[in-house]
């Protein structure tokens, strides 16, 4: 059985992953962003989809 503590811990881990991913994308140098297609303006959306999944 999953407890409230387990759910909170998982949420905290996911949020930490989201923030780290968002910050990495937001701080990409322009040349790398252009080469990879990961643009800083899209950092929040990309990080959210990477961590929480794509919305239906």
Protein backbone atom coordinates (compact mmCIF):
# COMPACT_ATOMS: atom_id res chain seq x y z
CA UNK A 1 0.00 0.00 0.00
CA UNK A 2 1.34 3.42 -0.94
CA UNK A 3 1.34 5.90 1.88
CA UNK A 4 0.91 9.66 1.86
CA UNK A 5 4.59 9.93 2.73
CA UNK A 6 5.53 7.84 -0.31
CA UNK A 7 3.39 10.03 -2.58
CA UNK A 8 4.92 13.23 -1.16
CA UNK A 9 8.44 11.84 -1.54
CA UNK A 10 7.77 10.87 -5.15
CA UNK A 11 6.30 14.30 -5.88
CA UNK A 12 9.35 15.98 -4.35
CA UNK A 13 11.72 13.83 -6.44
CA UNK A 14 9.78 14.58 -9.62
CA UNK A 15 9.75 18.30 -8.90
CA UNK A 16 13.51 18.25 -8.30
CA UNK A 17 13.98 16.48 -11.66
CA UNK A 18 11.70 19.03 -13.34
CA UNK A 19 13.62 21.99 -11.91
CA UNK A 20 17.01 20.54 -12.81
CA UNK A 21 15.90 19.73 -16.37
CA UNK A 22 14.26 23.14 -16.81
CA UNK A 23 17.33 24.96 -15.53
CA UNK A 24 19.71 22.98 -17.77
CA UNK A 25 17.64 23.71 -20.88
CA UNK A 26 17.13 27.36 -19.94
CA UNK A 27 20.88 27.85 -19.59
CA UNK A 28 22.00 26.13 -22.81
CA UNK A 29 24.45 28.13 -24.89
CA UNK A 30 22.86 29.43 -28.09
CA UNK A 31 24.93 27.27 -30.44
CA UNK A 32 24.10 24.05 -28.59
CA UNK A 33 20.43 24.98 -28.35
CA UNK A 34 20.33 25.55 -32.10
CA UNK A 35 22.11 22.24 -32.81
CA UNK A 36 19.85 20.17 -30.54
CA UNK A 37 16.57 21.99 -31.13
CA UNK A 38 16.09 22.54 -27.38
CA UNK A 39 15.40 26.24 -27.06
CA UNK A 40 15.52 28.06 -23.71
CA UNK A 41 12.10 29.62 -24.32
CA UNK A 42 10.61 26.10 -24.36
CA UNK A 43 12.42 24.93 -21.20
CA UNK A 44 9.35 24.73 -18.96
CA UNK A 45 7.26 22.76 -21.47
CA UNK A 46 10.09 20.37 -22.38
CA UNK A 47 10.96 19.71 -18.73
CA UNK A 48 7.31 19.17 -17.76
CA UNK A 49 6.79 16.66 -20.56
CA UNK A 50 10.07 14.89 -19.78
CA UNK A 51 9.29 14.42 -16.10
CA UNK A 52 5.51 14.19 -15.91
CA UNK A 53 4.68 12.94 -19.39
CA UNK A 54 2.90 14.51 -22.29
CA UNK A 55 -0.61 15.83 -21.64
CA UNK A 56 -3.37 14.12 -23.57
